[in-house]
Each structure stands twice: as structure tokens, then as C-alpha cells.
Amino acid sequence: MEEFFKAETVEDEGFHMRPLAFRMRPSSLEDFVGQEDLLGEGKQLGLMIASKSISSLIFTGPPGCGKTALANIIASILDAEILKLNAVNAGVKDIREAASLGKNNMLKGRRTVLLLDEIHRFSRNQQESLLPDVEEGNLTLIGLTTENPYYFISGPLLSRTTVYNFQPLKEDELFQILKRAVGADGNLKQVEDEALSLIAASSGGDARYALNLFESCALAASEKKLSLEDVKKCIGERKFLYDRKGDNHYDTISAFIKSMRGSDPDASV
């Protein structure tokens, strides 16, 4: 079971073969871009991280805004054992095994951080099975969700955690991330800033999407150069695929539903 949810500690020999968005994950708070409202000078979460006084947390926000990256950074700063579960395929048995490991670590004076992705997918009973060990400190929970936690997370669990709302990244923040990615992509020798600006403007505040788009454009670029025209062509081809094949059909439907859920009729049009 431990192999299922423990964070990998072996050297990743295939790291260079992984998607650019994976390779560009920040490994320290200094490398993290965005969420100044949470991490800026004098902000509560930033102060908690600096003092290593982290309680259980829930991070909510849209995809690609840094929730998972910051959770991993926090666990690293705490020098804790990191356990990772996804609520889609985990159950109470997995929580019990995580709790058992957490108790053993606590007796040895080491913290255990449980990163629980898509926590909103857990039933109320599954969520509340976390309560004893979160309350006793055997597990420091960092729950990640794209949904409203006050609607999807049980009251008792919310009372034992602090909720932080992440915002979509700004275009200048995405540009900064993309600028760093240029050096990490060995396929390119020259990239126009205008090309990166267009990618940033086309990514809806989602760093993962921006990096995936950049990687796609870079792979298609000729002569190891990426121009504004190359990006326009790349984005145009993606739109063509949607129009003809419907590859992004469900992304569009999801955005429509979320806009309606948020009672924003203009956004859904």
C-alpha cells in the first residue's frame, strides 16, 4: 500500500522526458510565481510558511494556479513525509493506512503531510474519517479542490482547516513562467517576447495550459525559433481542431456550466 500513496523518493531518470509543465514545477517558495494576495509581505499564509507553523489547509481555485505546487513546497519546507492521495480512487482504507503512518511518524518526532487532491470527491463519511488524526496532528492535511469548499466539504472538517482561495494567474505572471521555460526547453534557441505574451494572453490564467501550449508551439517551430506568427498558427490549429473534431468540446461545456453556476450570464454567452 505504501508504494501507492507515498511521494516518490527515487531518482527520476526519465525526468527530461516528462511534459514541460511537470518539469517546470517550482521546488522552492522563491521559484513560486503568483498568489501575492496569499504569500505577499505580511500575509497570513506566507507568515505561516516562513515560521513553519502550518496547520491543516484547504486550497481552492481554478486549474493551473499553483495549488499543488505550493502544497509540495510547504511539505518540503516542513521536512515532512509526504503522502499523496486522489479522492477519485482513494477510500477510507487508504486514509486509515495514512493515519497509521502518521501516528508512527509523530512518535518519532516527524510530521506527515497528506496531500489530498480533489478532496470534494470524498463523501461526507470519507471526509470525516480524517477528523481524529487531523485534530490530533498525526496528519497535516492539505486538501486541493477546484470547487467551493463551503458547499462540498463537511462542516466538521472545515472547522479544523483553514481555507485559502487561489486566483487565476495574471498575464505578466504567466509571461514570467514562460520566460523561465524557454531556458528549460532545449528545442529552441530564439523566442520572441511577443510570442510568449500571446500564449500568456490565451491561457486564461492557467500556467499548466500555458506551458503545454508553449511546448506544442515549440515542437512545431522551424529552425529552433518561435515567432509570434508561429504561435498564432499553433493557436489557430487548436481552434480548428475544436471546430472540426470537438476535441475541446468538454472544456467549453465545463466553462459554460461554471459560468452559469456562478450566475454570470455574460460569461456564459
Foldseek 3Di string as FASTA:
>chain_A
DCVVWFDDDDDDPCLLVDALLVNLQDQEPVSDFDPCVQQPPPHDNVVCLVVLVAAAAEEEADAQQCLVSVLNNSCVSLVAGETEDELVPDFQVVLVVLLVVLVVCVVVVGAYEYEYEQVLSDDQVRLCSNQPSSVVRSYRYYYYHHDDCVVRYDPSNPVRYYYDYGYQADLVRLLVSVVVSLVVDPLADEEDSLLLSVLSVPQRSHNSSSSNLVVVLQVPDPPRYHYNVSSVVSVVVVVVCCVPPVPCVVVLVVQLVVCVVVVNVVSND
